Amino acid sequence: MHSIQVFVEYKVKPDMREEYLHKIKDVATAMNYIGVDDFIVHEGVDQPGLFVEMFHVPTIQAYRKIKRKRCEEKVATGQFWQSVNHCIQGGTEKLHMWAFSPIDMNGSEE
């Protein structure tokens, strides 16, 4: 089975940019520690402050757990899961996460 590609998108408040850049490093370290592969963050060229995280997880269950932790649950103080959410314009509700699974370009639908 192929890994699942995950995209996370949000806009960071301009006055929180430096704090965000500091905290996203901790998120990256923690994500790698829990088994996320290829965690990278990009900032929009045409839209400064718009950030996209991209990473791979091995299963859809792993994606759902991360989405629940980052977007839905209230977490204890000091947990990395939502440490950047207060830097996001609109807070947690404006953190969008999607997962994609590769399609077989050489196979058939039979």
N, C-alpha and C. Protein backbone atom coordinates (compact mmCIF):
# COMPACT_ATOMS: atom_id res chain seq x y z
N MET A 1 0.84 -1.19 0.00
CA MET A 1 0.00 0.00 0.00
C MET A 1 0.88 1.24 0.00
N HIS A 2 0.47 2.23 -0.77
CA HIS A 2 1.19 3.49 -0.83
C HIS A 2 0.85 4.35 0.38
N SER A 3 1.74 5.25 0.69
CA SER A 3 1.45 6.15 1.80
C SER A 3 0.44 7.21 1.38
N ILE A 4 -0.14 7.83 2.37
CA ILE A 4 -1.14 8.86 2.17
C ILE A 4 -0.45 10.23 2.22
N GLN A 5 -0.69 11.07 1.22
CA GLN A 5 -0.15 12.43 1.18
C GLN A 5 -1.14 13.35 1.89
N VAL A 6 -0.64 14.14 2.84
CA VAL A 6 -1.50 15.04 3.60
C VAL A 6 -1.07 16.48 3.32
N PHE A 7 -2.09 17.33 3.16
CA PHE A 7 -1.89 18.76 3.00
C PHE A 7 -2.64 19.48 4.11
N VAL A 8 -1.97 20.45 4.73
CA VAL A 8 -2.58 21.28 5.78
C VAL A 8 -2.39 22.73 5.33
N GLU A 9 -3.48 23.50 5.32
CA GLU A 9 -3.40 24.87 4.81
C GLU A 9 -4.05 25.83 5.80
N TYR A 10 -3.40 26.99 5.97
CA TYR A 10 -3.91 28.03 6.87
C TYR A 10 -3.16 29.33 6.61
N LYS A 11 -3.73 30.42 7.09
CA LYS A 11 -3.12 31.74 6.97
C LYS A 11 -2.70 32.20 8.36
N VAL A 12 -1.45 32.61 8.48
CA VAL A 12 -0.89 33.06 9.75
C VAL A 12 -1.09 34.57 9.89
N LYS A 13 -1.48 34.99 11.08
CA LYS A 13 -1.63 36.42 11.38
C LYS A 13 -0.26 37.09 11.19
N PRO A 14 -0.22 38.22 10.49
CA PRO A 14 1.06 38.89 10.24
C PRO A 14 1.87 39.16 11.50
N ASP A 15 1.22 39.57 12.59
CA ASP A 15 1.95 39.89 13.81
C ASP A 15 2.38 38.65 14.59
N MET A 16 1.96 37.47 14.14
CA MET A 16 2.33 36.21 14.80
C MET A 16 3.32 35.39 13.98
N ARG A 17 3.79 35.94 12.86
CA ARG A 17 4.64 35.19 11.93
C ARG A 17 5.90 34.64 12.60
N GLU A 18 6.62 35.47 13.33
CA GLU A 18 7.86 35.02 13.97
C GLU A 18 7.60 33.92 14.99
N GLU A 19 6.57 34.09 15.80
CA GLU A 19 6.23 33.04 16.77
C GLU A 19 5.86 31.76 16.05
N TYR A 20 5.07 31.88 14.98
CA TYR A 20 4.70 30.70 14.19
C TYR A 20 5.94 29.99 13.66
N LEU A 21 6.86 30.74 13.06
CA LEU A 21 8.06 30.13 12.48
C LEU A 21 8.88 29.39 13.53
N HIS A 22 8.89 29.90 14.74
CA HIS A 22 9.58 29.22 15.83
C HIS A 22 8.83 27.93 16.21
N LYS A 23 7.53 28.02 16.37
CA LYS A 23 6.74 26.88 16.84
C LYS A 23 6.59 25.78 15.80
N ILE A 24 6.58 26.13 14.52
CA ILE A 24 6.39 25.10 13.50
C ILE A 24 7.60 24.15 13.47
N LYS A 25 8.75 24.63 13.91
CA LYS A 25 9.93 23.75 14.01
C LYS A 25 9.68 22.66 15.05
N ASP A 26 9.04 23.02 16.16
CA ASP A 26 8.71 22.03 17.18
C ASP A 26 7.67 21.04 16.67
N VAL A 27 6.70 21.56 15.90
CA VAL A 27 5.69 20.67 15.30
C VAL A 27 6.39 19.68 14.36
N ALA A 28 7.30 20.16 13.54
CA ALA A 28 8.02 19.30 12.60
C ALA A 28 8.78 18.20 13.34
N THR A 29 9.47 18.57 14.41
CA THR A 29 10.22 17.59 15.20
C THR A 29 9.28 16.53 15.78
N ALA A 30 8.18 16.98 16.35
CA ALA A 30 7.22 16.05 16.95
C ALA A 30 6.57 15.17 15.89
N MET A 31 6.22 15.72 14.75
CA MET A 31 5.60 14.93 13.69
C MET A 31 6.55 13.83 13.21
N ASN A 32 7.81 14.19 13.03
CA ASN A 32 8.79 13.18 12.63
C ASN A 32 8.93 12.10 13.69
N TYR A 33 8.86 12.50 14.95
CA TYR A 33 8.99 11.56 16.07
C TYR A 33 7.85 10.53 16.06
N ILE A 34 6.64 10.95 15.67
CA ILE A 34 5.50 10.01 15.68
C ILE A 34 5.38 9.20 14.39
N GLY A 35 6.33 9.37 13.47
CA GLY A 35 6.33 8.53 12.28
C GLY A 35 5.85 9.18 11.01
N VAL A 36 5.62 10.49 11.03
CA VAL A 36 5.25 11.22 9.82
C VAL A 36 6.50 11.32 8.95
N ASP A 37 6.35 11.11 7.66
CA ASP A 37 7.49 11.19 6.74
C ASP A 37 7.42 12.47 5.91
N ASP A 38 8.58 13.00 5.59
CA ASP A 38 8.71 14.10 4.63
C ASP A 38 7.94 15.36 5.04
N PHE A 39 7.94 15.71 6.30
CA PHE A 39 7.22 16.90 6.75
C PHE A 39 7.93 18.15 6.24
N ILE A 40 7.23 18.94 5.43
CA ILE A 40 7.77 20.20 4.94
C ILE A 40 6.69 21.27 5.01
N VAL A 41 7.13 22.52 5.05
CA VAL A 41 6.21 23.65 5.10
C VAL A 41 6.61 24.63 4.00
N HIS A 42 5.60 25.11 3.28
CA HIS A 42 5.81 26.11 2.23
C HIS A 42 4.98 27.35 2.56
N GLU A 43 5.48 28.51 2.15
CA GLU A 43 4.72 29.74 2.26
C GLU A 43 4.37 30.22 0.87
N GLY A 44 3.15 30.74 0.72
CA GLY A 44 2.70 31.23 -0.58
C GLY A 44 3.56 32.35 -1.11
N VAL A 45 3.94 32.26 -2.36
CA VAL A 45 4.71 33.32 -3.01
C VAL A 45 3.78 34.48 -3.34
N ASP A 46 2.60 34.18 -3.88
CA ASP A 46 1.63 35.21 -4.22
C ASP A 46 0.82 35.66 -3.02
N GLN A 47 0.81 34.84 -1.96
CA GLN A 47 0.03 35.17 -0.77
C GLN A 47 0.89 34.98 0.48
N PRO A 48 1.77 35.92 0.78
CA PRO A 48 2.58 35.78 1.99
C PRO A 48 1.69 35.58 3.21
N GLY A 49 2.13 34.70 4.08
CA GLY A 49 1.35 34.37 5.27
C GLY A 49 0.46 33.15 5.09
N LEU A 50 0.28 32.71 3.84
CA LEU A 50 -0.47 31.49 3.57
C LEU A 50 0.53 30.33 3.60
N PHE A 51 0.31 29.38 4.51
CA PHE A 51 1.24 28.27 4.69
C PHE A 51 0.56 26.95 4.35
N VAL A 52 1.36 26.05 3.79
CA VAL A 52 0.91 24.70 3.49
C VAL A 52 1.94 23.74 4.07
N GLU A 53 1.46 22.81 4.89
CA GLU A 53 2.30 21.71 5.36
C GLU A 53 2.01 20.53 4.44
N MET A 54 3.04 19.76 4.14
CA MET A 54 2.87 18.54 3.36
C MET A 54 3.66 17.43 4.04
N PHE A 55 3.04 16.27 4.13
CA PHE A 55 3.72 15.13 4.73
C PHE A 55 3.00 13.84 4.34
N HIS A 56 3.67 12.73 4.61
CA HIS A 56 3.10 11.41 4.33
C HIS A 56 2.85 10.66 5.63
N VAL A 57 1.77 9.91 5.65
CA VAL A 57 1.46 8.99 6.74
C VAL A 57 1.22 7.62 6.12
N PRO A 58 1.43 6.54 6.87
CA PRO A 58 1.32 5.20 6.29
C PRO A 58 -0.11 4.73 6.04
N THR A 59 -1.07 5.26 6.80
CA THR A 59 -2.43 4.75 6.69
C THR A 59 -3.45 5.88 6.82
N ILE A 60 -4.65 5.63 6.37
CA ILE A 60 -5.73 6.60 6.53
C ILE A 60 -6.08 6.76 8.01
N GLN A 61 -5.90 5.71 8.80
CA GLN A 61 -6.14 5.80 10.24
C GLN A 61 -5.17 6.78 10.89
N ALA A 62 -3.91 6.76 10.47
CA ALA A 62 -2.92 7.69 11.01
C ALA A 62 -3.31 9.13 10.64
N TYR A 63 -3.76 9.34 9.41
CA TYR A 63 -4.23 10.67 8.99
C TYR A 63 -5.39 11.13 9.86
N ARG A 64 -6.37 10.27 10.06
CA ARG A 64 -7.55 10.65 10.84
C ARG A 64 -7.18 11.00 12.28
N LYS A 65 -6.22 10.29 12.85
CA LYS A 65 -5.79 10.58 14.21
C LYS A 65 -5.13 11.96 14.27
N ILE A 66 -4.24 12.24 13.33
CA ILE A 66 -3.57 13.54 13.31
C ILE A 66 -4.59 14.65 13.07
N LYS A 67 -5.52 14.45 12.17
CA LYS A 67 -6.54 15.47 11.90
C LYS A 67 -7.37 15.74 13.16
N ARG A 68 -7.74 14.68 13.85
CA ARG A 68 -8.51 14.84 15.09
C ARG A 68 -7.71 15.63 16.12
N LYS A 69 -6.43 15.30 16.27
CA LYS A 69 -5.59 15.98 17.27
C LYS A 69 -5.32 17.44 16.89
N ARG A 70 -5.12 17.72 15.61
CA ARG A 70 -4.79 19.09 15.17
C ARG A 70 -6.01 19.98 15.04
N CYS A 71 -7.17 19.40 14.73
CA CYS A 71 -8.33 20.22 14.35
C CYS A 71 -9.52 20.11 15.28
N GLU A 72 -9.63 19.05 16.05
CA GLU A 72 -10.89 18.81 16.75
C GLU A 72 -10.77 18.75 18.27
N GLU A 73 -9.82 18.01 18.78
CA GLU A 73 -9.74 17.81 20.22
C GLU A 73 -9.14 19.01 20.93
N LYS A 74 -9.54 19.18 22.17
CA LYS A 74 -8.86 20.14 23.04
C LYS A 74 -7.69 19.39 23.66
N VAL A 75 -6.50 19.94 23.52
CA VAL A 75 -5.31 19.25 24.00
C VAL A 75 -4.76 19.94 25.24
N ALA A 76 -4.00 19.18 25.98
CA ALA A 76 -3.39 19.71 27.20
C ALA A 76 -2.33 20.75 26.87
N THR A 77 -2.15 21.71 27.74
CA THR A 77 -1.12 22.73 27.58
C THR A 77 0.24 22.05 27.44
N GLY A 78 1.03 22.54 26.51
CA GLY A 78 2.35 21.98 26.29
C GLY A 78 2.40 20.92 25.21
N GLN A 79 1.25 20.45 24.77
CA GLN A 79 1.21 19.47 23.69
C GLN A 79 1.48 20.18 22.36
N PHE A 80 2.20 19.53 21.48
CA PHE A 80 2.55 20.16 20.21
C PHE A 80 1.40 20.20 19.22
N TRP A 81 0.40 19.36 19.39
CA TRP A 81 -0.63 19.18 18.37
C TRP A 81 -1.22 20.49 17.87
N GLN A 82 -1.56 21.38 18.76
CA GLN A 82 -2.22 22.62 18.36
C GLN A 82 -1.42 23.86 18.73
N SER A 83 -0.12 23.70 18.85
CA SER A 83 0.73 24.79 19.33
C SER A 83 0.78 25.99 18.39
N VAL A 84 0.50 25.81 17.11
CA VAL A 84 0.52 26.93 16.17
C VAL A 84 -0.87 27.50 15.91
N ASN A 85 -1.91 26.85 16.41
CA ASN A 85 -3.27 27.23 16.04
C ASN A 85 -3.65 28.65 16.44
N HIS A 86 -3.10 29.17 17.54
CA HIS A 86 -3.43 30.54 17.94
C HIS A 86 -2.76 31.56 17.01
N CYS A 87 -1.81 31.13 16.20
CA CYS A 87 -1.17 32.01 15.23
C CYS A 87 -1.97 32.11 13.93
N ILE A 88 -2.95 31.27 13.77
CA ILE A 88 -3.74 31.18 12.54
C ILE A 88 -4.88 32.19 12.57
N GLN A 89 -5.06 32.91 11.47
CA GLN A 89 -6.21 33.82 11.37
C GLN A 89 -7.48 32.98 11.43
N GLY A 90 -8.31 33.24 12.41
CA GLY A 90 -9.53 32.47 12.58
C GLY A 90 -9.37 31.25 13.47
N GLY A 91 -8.14 30.99 13.94
CA GLY A 91 -7.90 29.88 14.86
C GLY A 91 -8.06 28.50 14.24
N THR A 92 -8.30 27.53 15.08
CA THR A 92 -8.36 26.13 14.67
C THR A 92 -9.37 25.90 13.56
N GLU A 93 -10.49 26.63 13.57
CA GLU A 93 -11.52 26.43 12.56
C GLU A 93 -11.03 26.74 11.15
N LYS A 94 -9.95 27.50 11.04
CA LYS A 94 -9.42 27.88 9.72
C LYS A 94 -8.19 27.06 9.33
N LEU A 95 -7.91 26.01 10.09
CA LEU A 95 -6.86 25.06 9.71
C LEU A 95 -7.55 23.97 8.92
N HIS A 96 -7.16 23.85 7.65
CA HIS A 96 -7.80 22.88 6.75
C HIS A 96 -6.81 21.76 6.44
N MET A 97 -7.30 20.53 6.50
CA MET A 97 -6.45 19.36 6.29
C MET A 97 -7.14 18.39 5.35
N TRP A 98 -6.37 17.91 4.36
CA TRP A 98 -6.89 16.95 3.39
C TRP A 98 -5.87 15.84 3.18
N ALA A 99 -6.36 14.66 2.86
CA ALA A 99 -5.49 13.51 2.56
C ALA A 99 -5.78 13.02 1.15
N PHE A 100 -4.73 12.57 0.49
CA PHE A 100 -4.84 12.05 -0.86
C PHE A 100 -4.09 10.74 -0.97
N SER A 101 -4.69 9.82 -1.70
CA SER A 101 -4.07 8.53 -1.96
C SER A 101 -3.75 8.45 -3.45
N PRO A 102 -2.57 7.94 -3.80
CA PRO A 102 -2.21 7.90 -5.22
C PRO A 102 -3.12 6.94 -5.99
N ILE A 103 -3.34 7.25 -7.23
CA ILE A 103 -4.09 6.35 -8.10
C ILE A 103 -3.11 5.54 -8.94
N ASP A 104 -3.55 4.41 -9.40
CA ASP A 104 -2.74 3.54 -10.23
C ASP A 104 -2.92 4.00 -11.68
N MET A 105 -1.94 4.69 -12.22
CA MET A 105 -2.01 5.21 -13.58
C MET A 105 -1.86 4.11 -14.63
N ASN A 106 -1.35 2.95 -14.22
CA ASN A 106 -1.10 1.87 -15.17
C ASN A 106 -2.12 0.75 -15.08
N GLY A 107 -2.93 0.75 -14.05
CA GLY A 107 -3.89 -0.32 -13.85
C GLY A 107 -5.20 -0.05 -14.56
N SER A 108 -6.09 -0.99 -14.39
CA SER A 108 -7.43 -0.82 -14.96
C SER A 108 -8.42 -0.79 -13.83
N GLU A 109 -9.64 -0.41 -14.12
CA GLU A 109 -10.67 -0.32 -13.11
C GLU A 109 -11.46 -1.61 -13.00
N GLU A 110 -11.03 -2.65 -13.66
CA GLU A 110 -11.78 -3.91 -13.64
C GLU A 110 -11.62 -4.63 -12.35
